[in-house]
N, C-alpha and C. Protein backbone atom coordinates (compact mmCIF):
# COMPACT_ATOMS: atom_id res chain seq x y z
N UNK A 1 25.30 59.50 -12.75
CA UNK A 1 23.88 59.20 -13.35
C UNK A 1 23.83 58.27 -14.12
N UNK A 2 24.81 58.00 -14.26
CA UNK A 2 24.78 56.48 -14.84
C UNK A 2 24.36 55.34 -13.91
N UNK A 3 24.85 55.18 -13.22
CA UNK A 3 24.60 54.26 -12.32
C UNK A 3 22.97 54.18 -12.03
N UNK A 4 22.64 54.97 -11.73
CA UNK A 4 20.95 54.63 -11.53
C UNK A 4 20.77 54.29 -12.24
N UNK A 5 20.24 53.96 -13.36
CA UNK A 5 19.68 53.43 -14.37
C UNK A 5 20.40 51.52 -14.72
N UNK A 6 21.80 52.31 -14.22
CA UNK A 6 22.88 50.73 -14.44
C UNK A 6 21.59 49.69 -12.93
N UNK A 7 21.78 50.21 -11.79
CA UNK A 7 20.88 49.71 -10.49
C UNK A 7 19.56 49.85 -10.87
N UNK A 8 18.63 50.61 -11.48
CA UNK A 8 17.51 50.13 -11.54
C UNK A 8 17.47 48.42 -12.63
N UNK A 9 18.22 48.53 -13.49
CA UNK A 9 18.20 47.21 -14.33
C UNK A 9 18.44 46.44 -13.49
N UNK A 10 19.63 46.58 -13.16
CA UNK A 10 20.15 45.31 -12.22
C UNK A 10 18.83 44.86 -11.14
N UNK A 11 18.17 45.47 -10.25
CA UNK A 11 17.29 45.51 -9.57
C UNK A 11 16.11 44.46 -10.49
N UNK A 12 15.43 45.16 -11.84
CA UNK A 12 15.04 44.16 -12.53
C UNK A 12 15.14 43.12 -12.94
N UNK A 13 16.13 42.86 -12.99
CA UNK A 13 16.95 41.35 -13.55
C UNK A 13 16.78 40.50 -12.47
N UNK A 14 17.26 41.57 -11.04
CA UNK A 14 17.14 40.81 -9.88
C UNK A 14 15.13 40.01 -9.94
N UNK A 15 14.77 41.27 -9.65
CA UNK A 15 13.09 40.91 -9.53
C UNK A 15 12.39 39.75 -10.43
N UNK A 16 13.24 39.92 -11.45
CA UNK A 16 12.28 38.85 -12.77
C UNK A 16 12.87 37.31 -12.34
N UNK A 17 13.94 37.34 -12.07
CA UNK A 17 14.34 36.00 -12.05
C UNK A 17 13.90 35.41 -10.27
N UNK A 18 13.56 36.16 -9.47
CA UNK A 18 13.03 35.91 -8.35
C UNK A 18 11.53 35.22 -8.29
N UNK A 19 11.08 36.36 -8.98
CA UNK A 19 9.43 36.07 -9.80
C UNK A 19 9.42 34.59 -10.61
N UNK A 20 10.47 34.55 -11.11
CA UNK A 20 9.78 33.13 -12.47
C UNK A 20 10.38 32.29 -11.56
N UNK A 21 11.98 32.17 -11.05
CA UNK A 21 12.52 30.82 -10.66
C UNK A 21 11.60 30.21 -9.76
N UNK A 22 11.69 28.44 -9.75
CA UNK A 22 10.87 27.84 -9.00
C UNK A 22 11.35 28.21 -7.92
N UNK A 23 9.96 28.15 -6.93
CA UNK A 23 10.24 28.66 -5.30
C UNK A 23 10.29 27.12 -4.59
N UNK A 24 11.06 27.25 -3.99
CA UNK A 24 11.57 25.90 -3.10
C UNK A 24 10.73 25.74 -2.01
N UNK A 25 9.92 24.70 -1.46
CA UNK A 25 8.76 24.88 -0.07
C UNK A 25 9.28 23.84 0.69
N UNK A 26 9.41 24.13 1.70
CA UNK A 26 9.77 23.26 2.75
C UNK A 26 8.51 22.55 3.13
N UNK A 27 8.59 21.15 2.95
CA UNK A 27 7.16 19.98 3.62
C UNK A 27 8.11 18.87 4.72
N UNK A 28 6.98 19.18 5.77
CA UNK A 28 7.54 18.54 6.87
C UNK A 28 6.90 16.68 6.43
N UNK A 29 7.52 15.73 7.14
CA UNK A 29 6.52 14.38 6.98
C UNK A 29 6.88 13.95 8.35
N UNK A 30 5.21 13.86 8.65
CA UNK A 30 5.37 13.08 9.99
C UNK A 30 5.24 11.93 10.03
N UNK A 31 5.88 11.21 10.94
CA UNK A 31 5.12 9.45 10.78
C UNK A 31 5.47 8.88 12.60
N UNK A 32 4.53 7.57 12.42
CA UNK A 32 4.72 7.05 13.53
C UNK A 32 5.08 5.21 12.94
N UNK A 33 5.65 5.21 14.17
CA UNK A 33 5.49 3.15 14.11
C UNK A 33 4.57 2.23 14.26
N UNK A 34 4.06 2.00 13.82
CA UNK A 34 2.69 1.28 13.84
C UNK A 34 2.68 -0.18 14.34
N UNK A 35 3.93 -0.79 14.43
CA UNK A 35 3.72 -2.21 14.72
C UNK A 35 5.74 -2.42 14.34
N UNK A 36 6.58 -3.10 15.61
CA UNK A 36 7.32 -3.86 14.97
C UNK A 36 6.94 -5.56 15.73
N UNK A 37 7.20 -5.92 14.58
CA UNK A 37 7.69 -7.71 14.98
C UNK A 37 8.28 -7.99 15.53
N UNK A 38 8.88 -8.40 16.59
CA UNK A 38 10.17 -9.65 17.10
C UNK A 38 9.75 -10.71 16.44
N UNK A 39 10.93 -11.63 15.91
CA UNK A 39 11.05 -12.46 15.20
C UNK A 39 12.76 -13.31 16.32
N UNK A 40 12.21 -14.57 15.87
CA UNK A 40 12.83 -15.48 16.75
C UNK A 40 14.15 -15.43 15.83
N UNK A 41 14.24 -15.45 14.57
CA UNK A 41 15.40 -15.60 14.01
C UNK A 41 15.69 -14.53 13.01
N UNK A 42 16.49 -14.03 12.49
CA UNK A 42 16.62 -13.12 11.61
C UNK A 42 16.05 -12.92 10.09
N UNK A 43 15.13 -11.95 9.58
CA UNK A 43 14.48 -12.34 8.63
C UNK A 43 15.70 -11.67 7.34
N UNK A 44 15.45 -12.59 6.33
CA UNK A 44 16.49 -12.84 4.94
C UNK A 44 15.66 -11.69 3.99
N UNK A 45 14.33 -12.09 3.93
CA UNK A 45 13.84 -10.93 2.81
C UNK A 45 12.31 -11.25 3.14
N UNK A 46 11.29 -10.16 2.59
CA UNK A 46 10.12 -10.13 2.69
C UNK A 46 9.42 -9.45 1.41
N UNK A 47 8.07 -10.08 1.22
CA UNK A 47 7.41 -9.91 0.25
C UNK A 47 5.45 -9.53 0.42
N UNK A 48 5.07 -8.34 -0.17
CA UNK A 48 3.63 -8.39 0.50
C UNK A 48 2.89 -9.21 -0.47
N UNK A 49 1.55 -9.52 -0.08
CA UNK A 49 0.80 -9.87 -1.12
C UNK A 49 -0.15 -8.94 -2.12
N UNK A 50 -0.47 -9.68 -2.60
CA UNK A 50 -1.40 -8.42 -3.60
C UNK A 50 -2.39 -7.48 -2.93
N UNK A 51 -3.30 -8.28 -1.61
CA UNK A 51 -4.19 -7.41 -1.42
C UNK A 51 -3.78 -6.81 0.11
N UNK A 52 -2.15 -6.91 0.07
CA UNK A 52 -1.38 -6.24 1.12
C UNK A 52 -2.19 -7.03 2.75
N UNK A 53 -2.42 -8.11 2.55
CA UNK A 53 -3.20 -8.20 3.94
C UNK A 53 -2.36 -9.09 4.77
N UNK A 54 -1.04 -9.64 3.63
CA UNK A 54 -0.29 -10.63 4.28
C UNK A 54 1.20 -9.83 4.60
N UNK A 55 2.02 -10.39 5.19
CA UNK A 55 3.35 -10.50 4.36
C UNK A 55 4.05 -11.14 4.63
N UNK A 56 5.35 -12.16 4.13
CA UNK A 56 5.86 -13.40 3.51
C UNK A 56 6.95 -12.74 3.87
N UNK A 57 7.72 -13.76 4.90
CA UNK A 57 8.98 -13.24 5.58
C UNK A 57 9.75 -14.46 5.54
N UNK A 58 10.86 -14.28 4.89
CA UNK A 58 11.69 -15.75 4.41
C UNK A 58 13.03 -15.61 5.96
N UNK A 59 12.91 -16.72 6.67
CA UNK A 59 13.71 -16.38 7.67
C UNK A 59 14.06 -17.59 7.14
N UNK A 60 16.05 -18.41 7.88
CA UNK A 60 16.45 -19.57 7.94
C UNK A 60 15.47 -20.28 7.65
N UNK A 61 15.15 -21.47 6.72
CA UNK A 61 14.62 -22.51 6.89
C UNK A 61 12.80 -22.34 7.11
N UNK A 62 12.79 -21.04 6.79
CA UNK A 62 10.86 -21.24 7.02
C UNK A 62 10.44 -19.92 5.97
N UNK A 63 9.31 -20.07 5.92
CA UNK A 63 8.66 -18.70 5.12
C UNK A 63 7.52 -18.74 6.73
N UNK A 64 7.21 -17.33 6.99
CA UNK A 64 6.51 -17.13 8.15
C UNK A 64 5.37 -15.96 6.95
N UNK A 65 3.77 -15.98 7.00
CA UNK A 65 3.13 -15.82 6.40
C UNK A 65 2.57 -14.94 7.76
N UNK A 66 2.52 -13.55 7.97
CA UNK A 66 1.90 -12.89 9.07
C UNK A 66 0.54 -12.07 8.25
N UNK A 67 -0.11 -12.26 9.28
CA UNK A 67 -1.72 -11.42 8.78
C UNK A 67 -1.58 -10.22 9.72
N UNK A 68 -1.06 -9.38 8.66
CA UNK A 68 -1.73 -7.55 9.13
C UNK A 68 -2.77 -7.31 10.07
N UNK A 69 -4.21 -7.84 9.68
CA UNK A 69 -5.56 -7.49 9.82
C UNK A 69 -5.24 -8.72 11.18
N UNK A 70 -5.19 -9.45 11.40
CA UNK A 70 -5.30 -10.33 12.46
C UNK A 70 -3.82 -9.86 13.71
N UNK A 71 -2.96 -9.80 12.78
CA UNK A 71 -1.80 -8.80 13.65
C UNK A 71 -1.00 -10.40 14.31
N UNK A 72 -0.58 -11.21 13.70
CA UNK A 72 -0.23 -12.30 13.96
C UNK A 72 0.44 -13.34 12.61
N UNK A 73 1.48 -14.20 13.62
CA UNK A 73 2.01 -15.57 12.74
C UNK A 73 1.08 -16.06 11.62
N UNK A 74 -0.07 -16.59 10.81
CA UNK A 74 -0.95 -17.73 10.60
C UNK A 74 -0.14 -18.63 10.74
N UNK A 75 1.00 -18.87 9.61
CA UNK A 75 1.47 -20.09 8.55
C UNK A 75 3.02 -19.95 9.02
N UNK A 76 3.77 -21.34 8.92
CA UNK A 76 5.13 -21.38 8.71
C UNK A 76 5.14 -22.47 7.31
N UNK A 77 6.34 -22.06 6.48
CA UNK A 77 5.97 -22.87 5.55
C UNK A 77 7.49 -23.40 5.34
N UNK A 78 7.65 -24.20 5.59
CA UNK A 78 9.11 -25.22 6.03
C UNK A 78 10.12 -24.91 4.40
N UNK A 79 11.26 -24.21 4.32
CA UNK A 79 12.03 -24.27 2.88
C UNK A 79 13.49 -24.67 3.85
N UNK A 80 14.48 -25.00 2.56
CA UNK A 80 15.73 -25.23 2.46
C UNK A 80 16.58 -24.05 3.23
N UNK A 81 17.09 -24.06 4.42
CA UNK A 81 17.89 -23.13 4.88
C UNK A 81 18.87 -22.54 3.84
N UNK A 82 19.08 -22.73 2.78
CA UNK A 82 19.76 -21.98 1.34
C UNK A 82 19.28 -21.00 1.20
N UNK A 83 17.86 -20.60 1.30
CA UNK A 83 17.12 -19.91 0.48
C UNK A 83 17.23 -19.07 0.73
N UNK A 84 17.38 -17.56 -0.01
CA UNK A 84 17.98 -16.40 0.39
C UNK A 84 17.01 -15.46 0.28
N UNK A 85 16.02 -15.78 -0.80
CA UNK A 85 15.61 -14.44 -1.68
C UNK A 85 14.23 -14.50 -1.26
N UNK A 86 13.11 -14.04 -1.81
CA UNK A 86 11.91 -13.77 -1.28
C UNK A 86 11.17 -12.98 -2.74
N UNK A 87 10.12 -13.98 -3.38
CA UNK A 87 9.43 -12.63 -4.35
C UNK A 87 8.05 -13.02 -4.18
N UNK A 88 7.01 -12.31 -4.84
CA UNK A 88 5.54 -12.97 -4.50
C UNK A 88 5.00 -12.60 -6.14
N UNK A 89 4.48 -13.81 -6.26
CA UNK A 89 3.94 -13.34 -8.03
C UNK A 89 2.46 -12.86 -7.96
N UNK A 90 2.14 -11.58 -8.28
CA UNK A 90 0.63 -11.70 -7.96
C UNK A 90 -0.03 -12.02 -9.18
N UNK A 91 -0.02 -12.10 -10.28
CA UNK A 91 -0.26 -13.10 -11.59
C UNK A 91 -0.50 -14.55 -10.94
N UNK A 92 0.36 -15.35 -10.37
CA UNK A 92 0.14 -16.44 -9.91
C UNK A 92 -0.01 -16.84 -8.62
N UNK A 93 -0.01 -15.83 -8.17
CA UNK A 93 -0.66 -16.04 -6.63
C UNK A 93 0.28 -17.25 -5.80
N UNK A 94 1.74 -16.83 -5.94
CA UNK A 94 2.66 -18.05 -6.09
C UNK A 94 4.06 -17.05 -5.03
N UNK A 95 4.84 -17.71 -4.20
CA UNK A 95 5.72 -17.18 -3.77
C UNK A 95 7.08 -18.08 -4.48
N UNK A 96 7.97 -17.04 -5.09
CA UNK A 96 9.71 -17.78 -5.34
C UNK A 96 10.34 -17.37 -4.55
N UNK A 97 10.92 -18.68 -4.31
CA UNK A 97 12.55 -18.34 -3.10
C UNK A 97 13.52 -18.79 -4.20
N UNK A 98 14.88 -18.35 -3.86
CA UNK A 98 15.63 -18.64 -4.77
C UNK A 98 17.10 -18.72 -3.43
N UNK A 99 18.39 -20.05 -4.46
CA UNK A 99 18.97 -19.54 -3.27
C UNK A 99 20.37 -19.87 -4.22
N UNK A 100 21.23 -18.71 -3.61
CA UNK A 100 22.43 -18.27 -4.56
C UNK A 100 23.67 -19.45 -4.46
N UNK A 101 23.45 -20.04 -3.06
CA UNK A 101 24.38 -20.87 -2.87
C UNK A 101 24.11 -22.26 -3.21
N UNK A 102 22.96 -22.44 -3.44
CA UNK A 102 22.90 -23.70 -4.14
C UNK A 102 21.85 -23.30 -5.50
N UNK A 103 22.21 -22.45 -5.74
CA UNK A 103 21.71 -22.39 -7.23
C UNK A 103 20.34 -22.87 -7.99
N UNK A 104 19.28 -22.69 -6.76
CA UNK A 104 18.22 -23.06 -6.98
C UNK A 104 17.06 -22.42 -7.22
N UNK A 105 15.84 -22.79 -7.55
CA UNK A 105 14.45 -21.76 -7.28
C UNK A 105 13.77 -22.52 -6.88
N UNK A 106 12.80 -21.77 -6.04
CA UNK A 106 11.73 -22.95 -6.06
C UNK A 106 10.20 -22.31 -5.82
N UNK A 107 8.88 -22.59 -6.31
CA UNK A 107 7.62 -22.29 -6.82
C UNK A 107 6.70 -22.45 -5.83
N UNK A 108 6.19 -21.30 -4.88
CA UNK A 108 5.41 -22.38 -3.61
C UNK A 108 4.21 -21.58 -4.30
N UNK A 109 3.38 -22.37 -4.52
CA UNK A 109 2.17 -22.15 -4.54
C UNK A 109 1.07 -21.90 -3.84
N UNK A 110 0.35 -20.31 -3.88
CA UNK A 110 -0.73 -20.18 -2.42
C UNK A 110 -2.30 -20.31 -2.98
N UNK A 111 -3.21 -21.01 -2.02
CA UNK A 111 -4.37 -21.03 -2.22
C UNK A 111 -5.42 -20.92 -1.05
N UNK A 112 -5.87 -19.61 -1.28
CA UNK A 112 -6.74 -19.13 -0.08
C UNK A 112 -7.86 -20.25 0.10
N UNK A 113 -7.96 -20.31 1.44
CA UNK A 113 -9.21 -21.25 1.93
C UNK A 113 -9.75 -20.51 3.04
N UNK A 114 -10.93 -20.29 3.18
CA UNK A 114 -11.78 -19.54 4.13
C UNK A 114 -12.66 -20.73 4.53
N UNK A 115 -12.66 -20.53 5.63
CA UNK A 115 -13.60 -21.61 6.96
C UNK A 115 -14.61 -21.00 6.96
N UNK A 116 -16.06 -21.63 7.08
CA UNK A 116 -17.41 -20.95 6.88
C UNK A 116 -17.79 -21.71 8.15
N UNK A 117 -18.77 -21.27 8.82
CA UNK A 117 -19.28 -21.80 10.07
C UNK A 117 -20.94 -21.93 9.94
N UNK A 118 -20.98 -23.34 9.76
CA UNK A 118 -22.34 -23.99 9.43
C UNK A 118 -23.06 -24.40 10.22
N UNK A 119 -22.49 -24.19 11.70
CA UNK A 119 -23.37 -25.30 12.82
C UNK A 119 -24.47 -24.80 13.18
N UNK A 120 -25.57 -25.56 12.86
CA UNK A 120 -26.53 -25.48 13.21
C UNK A 120 -27.19 -25.23 11.47
N UNK A 121 -27.10 -25.05 10.58
CA UNK A 121 -27.34 -24.99 9.35
C UNK A 121 -27.80 -26.56 8.65
N UNK A 122 -28.93 -26.47 8.02
CA UNK A 122 -29.17 -27.86 7.09
C UNK A 122 -28.19 -27.68 6.01
N UNK A 123 -28.20 -29.07 5.93
CA UNK A 123 -26.82 -29.18 5.04
C UNK A 123 -27.46 -30.98 4.43
N UNK A 124 -26.41 -31.09 2.66
CA UNK A 124 -27.39 -32.71 2.63
C UNK A 124 -25.42 -32.77 1.79
N UNK A 125 -25.92 -34.13 2.16
CA UNK A 125 -23.91 -34.81 2.03
C UNK A 125 -23.39 -34.96 3.10
N UNK A 126 -21.71 -35.59 2.70
CA UNK A 126 -21.16 -36.05 4.07
C UNK A 126 -21.16 -34.68 4.24
N UNK A 127 -20.44 -34.70 6.22
CA UNK A 127 -20.66 -33.81 6.80
C UNK A 127 -18.52 -32.78 6.36
N UNK A 128 -17.80 -33.30 5.96
CA UNK A 128 -16.66 -32.83 5.68
C UNK A 128 -16.29 -32.71 4.38
N UNK A 129 -17.21 -32.82 3.48
CA UNK A 129 -17.18 -32.85 2.01
C UNK A 129 -16.29 -31.55 1.85
N UNK A 130 -15.51 -31.74 0.64
CA UNK A 130 -14.79 -30.28 -0.34
C UNK A 130 -15.81 -29.75 -0.94
N UNK A 131 -15.72 -28.22 -0.41
CA UNK A 131 -16.71 -27.54 -1.44
C UNK A 131 -15.82 -26.22 -2.27
N UNK A 132 -16.23 -26.01 -3.15
CA UNK A 132 -15.64 -25.12 -4.20
C UNK A 132 -16.24 -24.18 -4.55
N UNK A 133 -15.99 -22.91 -4.21
CA UNK A 133 -17.05 -21.79 -4.68
C UNK A 133 -16.19 -20.82 -5.63
N UNK A 134 -17.46 -20.91 -6.92
CA UNK A 134 -16.90 -19.87 -7.82
C UNK A 134 -16.86 -18.53 -8.13
N UNK A 135 -16.40 -17.87 -7.77
CA UNK A 135 -16.78 -16.22 -8.04
C UNK A 135 -16.17 -15.63 -9.82
N UNK A 136 -17.28 -14.99 -9.75
CA UNK A 136 -17.84 -14.68 -11.54
C UNK A 136 -17.73 -13.09 -11.29
N UNK A 137 -16.39 -12.52 -11.50
CA UNK A 137 -16.22 -10.96 -11.48
C UNK A 137 -16.26 -10.40 -12.66
N UNK A 138 -16.53 -10.81 -13.80
CA UNK A 138 -16.39 -9.88 -14.69
C UNK A 138 -17.94 -10.01 -15.55
N UNK A 139 -18.81 -8.98 -15.30
CA UNK A 139 -19.78 -8.95 -15.87
C UNK A 139 -20.11 -7.79 -17.26
N UNK A 140 -19.51 -8.72 -19.04
CA UNK A 140 -19.71 -7.84 -19.51
C UNK A 140 -20.64 -8.00 -20.81
């Protein structure tokens, strides 16, 4: 007769542990490869731009600027072959490349330029004069 209360107590303890123990939920992850970029040379490092429109790819002797929007390499920035690491500075909009073997660091300032089609539009001044557009985004 003493076995029944002991069995009930053990069942009660087991039930309490089962109810209050954290439950393990198995989730599945689905994935697809969006793009595979084949390069002629091995990539050494990469970084994303702040707006994630470009991937900067460091290869021996150059940095490739790949546009995710246009799905192509837009620019090639030549660098010394000794550079082996790359970082992007969001605050300064600059690329920082370093060479461990050469013990050097180079900062490359990036400047975005947009082409505006003005064909057929009236204008004043020289046809190829530089234009600076200031954007004010702080309306306080």
